[in-house]
Amino acid sequence: MLSYVTDELRDREGDVVWRVRWGESWLYVYLLLEFQSTVDKYMAVRVMSYLGLLYQDLIRQKHLTANGKLPPVF
């Protein structure tokens, strides 16, 4: 499980991220499951936040593509 702390010091936890070899580069597969008791009409924004936190972590660790770009995440 991944765990992140946002810049506002709020704890965020993701579920599972796999790193898979795709030809010459890496592909990240992010499995995010959210179980909620009520409908959240802004769930897409929350998912984007998790993806942003993953990308921030990849940037810090310098896990970029050979040409310096962020890797694809599915």
PDB file of N, CA and C in Angstrom:
ATOM      1  N   MET A   1       0.849  -1.180   0.000  1.00  0.00           N
ATOM      2  CA  MET A   1       0.000   0.000   0.000  1.00  0.00           C
ATOM      3  C   MET A   1       0.889   1.236   0.000  1.00  0.00           C
ATOM      4  N   LEU A   2       0.489   2.217  -0.735  1.00  0.00           N
ATOM      5  CA  LEU A   2       1.203   3.491  -0.761  1.00  0.00           C
ATOM      6  C   LEU A   2       0.581   4.437   0.239  1.00  0.00           C
ATOM      7  N   SER A   3       1.400   5.261   0.821  1.00  0.00           N
ATOM      8  CA  SER A   3       0.912   6.267   1.750  1.00  0.00           C
ATOM      9  C   SER A   3       1.615   7.575   1.434  1.00  0.00           C
ATOM     10  N   TYR A   4       0.850   8.653   1.321  1.00  0.00           N
ATOM     11  CA  TYR A   4       1.398   9.955   1.002  1.00  0.00           C
ATOM     12  C   TYR A   4       0.927  10.973   2.026  1.00  0.00           C
ATOM     13  N   VAL A   5       1.716  12.021   2.196  1.00  0.00           N
ATOM     14  CA  VAL A   5       1.297  13.173   2.980  1.00  0.00           C
ATOM     15  C   VAL A   5       1.317  14.359   2.035  1.00  0.00           C
ATOM     16  N   THR A   6       0.195  15.038   1.889  1.00  0.00           N
ATOM     17  CA  THR A   6       0.101  16.157   0.960  1.00  0.00           C
ATOM     18  C   THR A   6       0.842  17.361   1.517  1.00  0.00           C
ATOM     19  N   ASP A   7       0.996  18.392   0.687  1.00  0.00           N
ATOM     20  CA  ASP A   7       1.663  19.617   1.128  1.00  0.00           C
ATOM     21  C   ASP A   7       0.923  20.263   2.294  1.00  0.00           C
ATOM     22  N   GLU A   8      -0.387  20.013   2.403  1.00  0.00           N
ATOM     23  CA  GLU A   8      -1.187  20.548   3.521  1.00  0.00           C
ATOM     24  C   GLU A   8      -1.132  19.624   4.736  1.00  0.00           C
ATOM     25  N   LEU A   9      -0.226  18.617   4.686  1.00  0.00           N
ATOM     26  CA  LEU A   9      -0.007  17.648   5.768  1.00  0.00           C
ATOM     27  C   LEU A   9      -1.214  16.753   6.015  1.00  0.00           C
ATOM     28  N   ARG A  10      -1.984  16.487   4.957  1.00  0.00           N
ATOM     29  CA  ARG A  10      -3.102  15.545   5.067  1.00  0.00           C
ATOM     30  C   ARG A  10      -2.616  14.193   4.568  1.00  0.00           C
ATOM     31  N   ASP A  11      -2.906  13.160   5.328  1.00  0.00           N
ATOM     32  CA  ASP A  11      -2.484  11.808   4.991  1.00  0.00           C
ATOM     33  C   ASP A  11      -3.386  11.251   3.892  1.00  0.00           C
ATOM     34  N   ARG A  12      -2.786  10.659   2.871  1.00  0.00           N
ATOM     35  CA  ARG A  12      -3.528  10.016   1.781  1.00  0.00           C
ATOM     36  C   ARG A  12      -2.950   8.625   1.593  1.00  0.00           C
ATOM     37  N   GLU A  13      -3.810   7.646   1.392  1.00  0.00           N
ATOM     38  CA  GLU A  13      -3.336   6.292   1.143  1.00  0.00           C
ATOM     39  C   GLU A  13      -3.904   5.777  -0.159  1.00  0.00           C
ATOM     40  N   GLY A  14      -3.039   5.183  -0.962  1.00  0.00           N
ATOM     41  CA  GLY A  14      -3.456   4.541  -2.197  1.00  0.00           C
ATOM     42  C   GLY A  14      -3.487   3.048  -1.982  1.00  0.00           C
ATOM     43  N   ASP A  15      -3.957   2.326  -2.968  1.00  0.00           N
ATOM     44  CA  ASP A  15      -4.080   0.893  -2.802  1.00  0.00           C
ATOM     45  C   ASP A  15      -2.856   0.149  -3.332  1.00  0.00           C
ATOM     46  N   VAL A  16      -2.766  -0.065  -4.607  1.00  0.00           N
ATOM     47  CA  VAL A  16      -1.668  -0.856  -5.153  1.00  0.00           C
ATOM     48  C   VAL A  16      -1.160  -0.201  -6.428  1.00  0.00           C
ATOM     49  N   VAL A  17       0.163  -0.129  -6.570  1.00  0.00           N
ATOM     50  CA  VAL A  17       0.779   0.353  -7.806  1.00  0.00           C
ATOM     51  C   VAL A  17       1.794  -0.699  -8.239  1.00  0.00           C
ATOM     52  N   TRP A  18       1.640  -1.153  -9.485  1.00  0.00           N
ATOM     53  CA  TRP A  18       2.612  -2.073 -10.060  1.00  0.00           C
ATOM     54  C   TRP A  18       3.429  -1.326 -11.084  1.00  0.00           C
ATOM     55  N   ARG A  19       4.706  -1.643 -11.147  1.00  0.00           N
ATOM     56  CA  ARG A  19       5.580  -1.099 -12.188  1.00  0.00           C
ATOM     57  C   ARG A  19       5.896  -2.257 -13.128  1.00  0.00           C
ATOM     58  N   VAL A  20       5.534  -2.086 -14.413  1.00  0.00           N
ATOM     59  CA  VAL A  20       5.640  -3.154 -15.396  1.00  0.00           C
ATOM     60  C   VAL A  20       6.536  -2.685 -16.537  1.00  0.00           C
ATOM     61  N   ARG A  21       7.404  -3.563 -16.992  1.00  0.00           N
ATOM     62  CA  ARG A  21       8.266  -3.251 -18.133  1.00  0.00           C
ATOM     63  C   ARG A  21       7.417  -3.251 -19.395  1.00  0.00           C
ATOM     64  N   TRP A  22       7.486  -2.181 -20.175  1.00  0.00           N
ATOM     65  CA  TRP A  22       6.741  -2.051 -21.433  1.00  0.00           C
ATOM     66  C   TRP A  22       7.742  -1.665 -22.518  1.00  0.00           C
ATOM     67  N   GLY A  23       8.253  -2.644 -23.211  1.00  0.00           N
ATOM     68  CA  GLY A  23       9.299  -2.379 -24.196  1.00  0.00           C
ATOM     69  C   GLY A  23      10.555  -1.912 -23.497  1.00  0.00           C
ATOM     70  N   GLU A  24      10.988  -0.708 -23.829  1.00  0.00           N
ATOM     71  CA  GLU A  24      12.195  -0.133 -23.238  1.00  0.00           C
ATOM     72  C   GLU A  24      11.903   0.718 -22.008  1.00  0.00           C
ATOM     73  N   SER A  25      10.639   0.945 -21.687  1.00  0.00           N
ATOM     74  CA  SER A  25      10.308   1.832 -20.564  1.00  0.00           C
ATOM     75  C   SER A  25       9.422   1.136 -19.541  1.00  0.00           C
ATOM     76  N   TRP A  26       9.085   1.881 -18.507  1.00  0.00           N
ATOM     77  CA  TRP A  26       8.238   1.371 -17.435  1.00  0.00           C
ATOM     78  C   TRP A  26       6.833   1.951 -17.565  1.00  0.00           C
ATOM     79  N   LEU A  27       5.869   1.155 -17.188  1.00  0.00           N
ATOM     80  CA  LEU A  27       4.467   1.543 -17.164  1.00  0.00           C
ATOM     81  C   LEU A  27       3.963   1.290 -15.749  1.00  0.00           C
ATOM     82  N   TYR A  28       3.246   2.247 -15.188  1.00  0.00           N
ATOM     83  CA  TYR A  28       2.708   2.091 -13.837  1.00  0.00           C
ATOM     84  C   TYR A  28       1.219   1.774 -13.930  1.00  0.00           C
ATOM     85  N   VAL A  29       0.809   0.722 -13.248  1.00  0.00           N
ATOM     86  CA  VAL A  29      -0.595   0.325 -13.184  1.00  0.00           C
ATOM     87  C   VAL A  29      -1.048   0.588 -11.756  1.00  0.00           C
ATOM     88  N   TYR A  30      -2.006   1.487 -11.611  1.00  0.00           N
ATOM     89  CA  TYR A  30      -2.462   1.948 -10.293  1.00  0.00           C
ATOM     90  C   TYR A  30      -3.856   1.386 -10.064  1.00  0.00           C
ATOM     91  N   LEU A  31      -3.996   0.510  -9.080  1.00  0.00           N
ATOM     92  CA  LEU A  31      -5.293  -0.052  -8.716  1.00  0.00           C
ATOM     93  C   LEU A  31      -5.786   0.682  -7.481  1.00  0.00           C
ATOM     94  N   LEU A  32      -6.829   1.445  -7.655  1.00  0.00           N
ATOM     95  CA  LEU A  32      -7.377   2.258  -6.571  1.00  0.00           C
ATOM     96  C   LEU A  32      -8.814   1.840  -6.322  1.00  0.00           C
ATOM     97  N   LEU A  33      -9.084   1.335  -5.144  1.00  0.00           N
ATOM     98  CA  LEU A  33     -10.438   0.927  -4.768  1.00  0.00           C
ATOM     99  C   LEU A  33     -10.929   1.837  -3.655  1.00  0.00           C
ATOM    100  N   GLU A  34     -12.117   2.369  -3.813  1.00  0.00           N
ATOM    101  CA  GLU A  34     -12.713   3.238  -2.806  1.00  0.00           C
ATOM    102  C   GLU A  34     -14.053   2.657  -2.390  1.00  0.00           C
ATOM    103  N   PHE A  35     -14.179   2.331  -1.127  1.00  0.00           N
ATOM    104  CA  PHE A  35     -15.444   1.847  -0.591  1.00  0.00           C
ATOM    105  C   PHE A  35     -16.041   2.964   0.256  1.00  0.00           C
ATOM    106  N   GLN A  36     -17.224   3.396  -0.106  1.00  0.00           N
ATOM    107  CA  GLN A  36     -17.854   4.509   0.589  1.00  0.00           C
ATOM    108  C   GLN A  36     -19.311   4.183   0.882  1.00  0.00           C
ATOM    109  N   SER A  37     -19.811   4.786   1.944  1.00  0.00           N
ATOM    110  CA  SER A  37     -21.206   4.554   2.317  1.00  0.00           C
ATOM    111  C   SER A  37     -22.152   5.498   1.581  1.00  0.00           C
ATOM    112  N   THR A  38     -21.622   6.583   1.013  1.00  0.00           N
ATOM    113  CA  THR A  38     -22.456   7.529   0.270  1.00  0.00           C
ATOM    114  C   THR A  38     -21.764   7.883  -1.050  1.00  0.00           C
ATOM    115  N   VAL A  39     -22.525   8.406  -1.979  1.00  0.00           N
ATOM    116  CA  VAL A  39     -21.992   8.804  -3.282  1.00  0.00           C
ATOM    117  C   VAL A  39     -21.202  10.101  -3.132  1.00  0.00           C
ATOM    118  N   ASP A  40     -20.021  10.126  -3.728  1.00  0.00           N
ATOM    119  CA  ASP A  40     -19.199  11.338  -3.746  1.00  0.00           C
ATOM    120  C   ASP A  40     -19.144  11.830  -5.187  1.00  0.00           C
ATOM    121  N   LYS A  41     -19.876  12.906  -5.481  1.00  0.00           N
ATOM    122  CA  LYS A  41     -19.934  13.373  -6.860  1.00  0.00           C
ATOM    123  C   LYS A  41     -18.610  13.957  -7.341  1.00  0.00           C
ATOM    124  N   TYR A  42     -17.649  14.126  -6.441  1.00  0.00           N
ATOM    125  CA  TYR A  42     -16.321  14.635  -6.809  1.00  0.00           C
ATOM    126  C   TYR A  42     -15.251  13.546  -6.722  1.00  0.00           C
ATOM    127  N   MET A  43     -15.657  12.288  -6.876  1.00  0.00           N
ATOM    128  CA  MET A  43     -14.702  11.180  -6.779  1.00  0.00           C
ATOM    129  C   MET A  43     -13.591  11.307  -7.832  1.00  0.00           C
ATOM    130  N   ALA A  44     -13.912  11.799  -9.009  1.00  0.00           N
ATOM    131  CA  ALA A  44     -12.894  11.955 -10.051  1.00  0.00           C
ATOM    132  C   ALA A  44     -11.777  12.893  -9.591  1.00  0.00           C
ATOM    133  N   VAL A  45     -12.131  13.915  -8.825  1.00  0.00           N
ATOM    134  CA  VAL A  45     -11.130  14.852  -8.312  1.00  0.00           C
ATOM    135  C   VAL A  45     -10.228  14.147  -7.303  1.00  0.00           C
ATOM    136  N   ARG A  46     -10.801  13.296  -6.474  1.00  0.00           N
ATOM    137  CA  ARG A  46     -10.001  12.551  -5.499  1.00  0.00           C
ATOM    138  C   ARG A  46      -9.023  11.617  -6.209  1.00  0.00           C
ATOM    139  N   VAL A  47      -9.492  10.945  -7.247  1.00  0.00           N
ATOM    140  CA  VAL A  47      -8.621  10.046  -8.009  1.00  0.00           C
ATOM    141  C   VAL A  47      -7.491  10.842  -8.663  1.00  0.00           C
ATOM    142  N   MET A  48      -7.810  12.012  -9.214  1.00  0.00           N
ATOM    143  CA  MET A  48      -6.763  12.870  -9.790  1.00  0.00           C
ATOM    144  C   MET A  48      -5.751  13.280  -8.727  1.00  0.00           C
ATOM    145  N   SER A  49      -6.208  13.524  -7.502  1.00  0.00           N
ATOM    146  CA  SER A  49      -5.297  13.884  -6.409  1.00  0.00           C
ATOM    147  C   SER A  49      -4.333  12.744  -6.112  1.00  0.00           C
ATOM    148  N   TYR A  50      -4.857  11.519  -6.059  1.00  0.00           N
ATOM    149  CA  TYR A  50      -3.994  10.363  -5.815  1.00  0.00           C
ATOM    150  C   TYR A  50      -2.959  10.216  -6.923  1.00  0.00           C
ATOM    151  N   LEU A  51      -3.383  10.402  -8.166  1.00  0.00           N
ATOM    152  CA  LEU A  51      -2.453  10.306  -9.288  1.00  0.00           C
ATOM    153  C   LEU A  51      -1.392  11.400  -9.195  1.00  0.00           C
ATOM    154  N   GLY A  52      -1.800  12.607  -8.824  1.00  0.00           N
ATOM    155  CA  GLY A  52      -0.846  13.697  -8.652  1.00  0.00           C
ATOM    156  C   GLY A  52       0.178  13.399  -7.576  1.00  0.00           C
ATOM    157  N   LEU A  53      -0.263  12.804  -6.466  1.00  0.00           N
ATOM    158  CA  LEU A  53       0.665  12.441  -5.389  1.00  0.00           C
ATOM    159  C   LEU A  53       1.639  11.362  -5.849  1.00  0.00           C
ATOM    160  N   LEU A  54       1.149  10.396  -6.642  1.00  0.00           N
ATOM    161  CA  LEU A  54       2.040   9.377  -7.190  1.00  0.00           C
ATOM    162  C   LEU A  54       3.084  10.031  -8.084  1.00  0.00           C
ATOM    163  N   TYR A  55       2.663  10.940  -8.967  1.00  0.00           N
ATOM    164  CA  TYR A  55       3.606  11.627  -9.845  1.00  0.00           C
ATOM    165  C   TYR A  55       4.617  12.455  -9.053  1.00  0.00           C
ATOM    166  N   GLN A  56       4.178  13.125  -7.995  1.00  0.00           N
ATOM    167  CA  GLN A  56       5.131  13.883  -7.165  1.00  0.00           C
ATOM    168  C   GLN A  56       6.187  12.958  -6.576  1.00  0.00           C
ATOM    169  N   ASP A  57       5.759  11.777  -6.143  1.00  0.00           N
ATOM    170  CA  ASP A  57       6.692  10.811  -5.574  1.00  0.00           C
ATOM    171  C   ASP A  57       7.666  10.307  -6.639  1.00  0.00           C
ATOM    172  N   LEU A  58       7.170  10.044  -7.844  1.00  0.00           N
ATOM    173  CA  LEU A  58       8.053   9.598  -8.925  1.00  0.00           C
ATOM    174  C   LEU A  58       9.067  10.674  -9.287  1.00  0.00           C
ATOM    175  N   ILE A  59       8.655  11.944  -9.274  1.00  0.00           N
ATOM    176  CA  ILE A  59       9.580  13.052  -9.552  1.00  0.00           C
ATOM    177  C   ILE A  59      10.660  13.120  -8.477  1.00  0.00           C
ATOM    178  N   ARG A  60      10.266  13.014  -7.211  1.00  0.00           N
ATOM    179  CA  ARG A  60      11.253  13.057  -6.113  1.00  0.00           C
ATOM    180  C   ARG A  60      12.269  11.935  -6.227  1.00  0.00           C
ATOM    181  N   GLN A  61      11.789  10.748  -6.645  1.00  0.00           N
ATOM    182  CA  GLN A  61      12.679   9.589  -6.764  1.00  0.00           C
ATOM    183  C   GLN A  61      13.421   9.553  -8.106  1.00  0.00           C
ATOM    184  N   LYS A  62      13.138  10.538  -8.960  1.00  0.00           N
ATOM    185  CA  LYS A  62      13.750  10.619 -10.292  1.00  0.00           C
ATOM    186  C   LYS A  62      13.448   9.388 -11.142  1.00  0.00           C
ATOM    187  N   HIS A  63      12.218   8.885 -11.042  1.00  0.00           N
ATOM    188  CA  HIS A  63      11.757   7.761 -11.862  1.00  0.00           C
ATOM    189  C   HIS A  63      11.033   8.311 -13.087  1.00  0.00           C
ATOM    190  N   LEU A  64      11.787   8.963 -13.948  1.00  0.00           N
ATOM    191  CA  LEU A  64      11.236   9.560 -15.160  1.00  0.00           C
ATOM    192  C   LEU A  64      11.630   8.707 -16.355  1.00  0.00           C
ATOM    193  N   THR A  65      11.031   8.985 -17.501  1.00  0.00           N
ATOM    194  CA  THR A  65      11.406   8.258 -18.712  1.00  0.00           C
ATOM    195  C   THR A  65      12.800   8.694 -19.156  1.00  0.00           C
ATOM    196  N   ALA A  66      13.340   8.005 -20.147  1.00  0.00           N
ATOM    197  CA  ALA A  66      14.697   8.322 -20.631  1.00  0.00           C
ATOM    198  C   ALA A  66      14.809   9.759 -21.130  1.00  0.00           C
ATOM    199  N   ASN A  67      13.699  10.326 -21.637  1.00  0.00           N
ATOM    200  CA  ASN A  67      13.743  11.721 -22.116  1.00  0.00           C
ATOM    201  C   ASN A  67      13.247  12.710 -21.060  1.00  0.00           C
ATOM    202  N   GLY A  68      13.183  12.282 -19.791  1.00  0.00           N
ATOM    203  CA  GLY A  68      12.874  13.186 -18.690  1.00  0.00           C
ATOM    204  C   GLY A  68      11.403  13.463 -18.446  1.00  0.00           C
ATOM    205  N   LYS A  69      10.527  12.673 -19.053  1.00  0.00           N
ATOM    206  CA  LYS A  69       9.089  12.880 -18.867  1.00  0.00           C
ATOM    207  C   LYS A  69       8.541  11.937 -17.804  1.00  0.00           C
ATOM    208  N   LEU A  70       7.327  12.240 -17.351  1.00  0.00           N
ATOM    209  CA  LEU A  70       6.670  11.349 -16.409  1.00  0.00           C
ATOM    210  C   LEU A  70       6.212  10.082 -17.123  1.00  0.00           C
ATOM    211  N   PRO A  71       6.292   8.933 -16.446  1.00  0.00           N
ATOM    212  CA  PRO A  71       5.869   7.690 -17.087  1.00  0.00           C
ATOM    213  C   PRO A  71       4.345   7.613 -17.146  1.00  0.00           C
ATOM    214  N   PRO A  72       3.817   6.813 -18.089  1.00  0.00           N
ATOM    215  CA  PRO A  72       2.363   6.656 -18.149  1.00  0.00           C
ATOM    216  C   PRO A  72       1.852   5.841 -16.955  1.00  0.00           C
ATOM    217  N   VAL A  73       0.652   6.188 -16.525  1.00  0.00           N
ATOM    218  CA  VAL A  73      -0.013   5.468 -15.428  1.00  0.00           C
ATOM    219  C   VAL A  73      -1.404   5.092 -15.913  1.00  0.00           C
ATOM    220  N   PHE A  74      -1.749   3.836 -15.762  1.00  0.00           N
ATOM    221  CA  PHE A  74      -3.077   3.349 -16.099  1.00  0.00           C
ATOM    222  C   PHE A  74      -3.787   2.900 -14.851  1.00  0.00           C
TER     223      PHE A  74
END
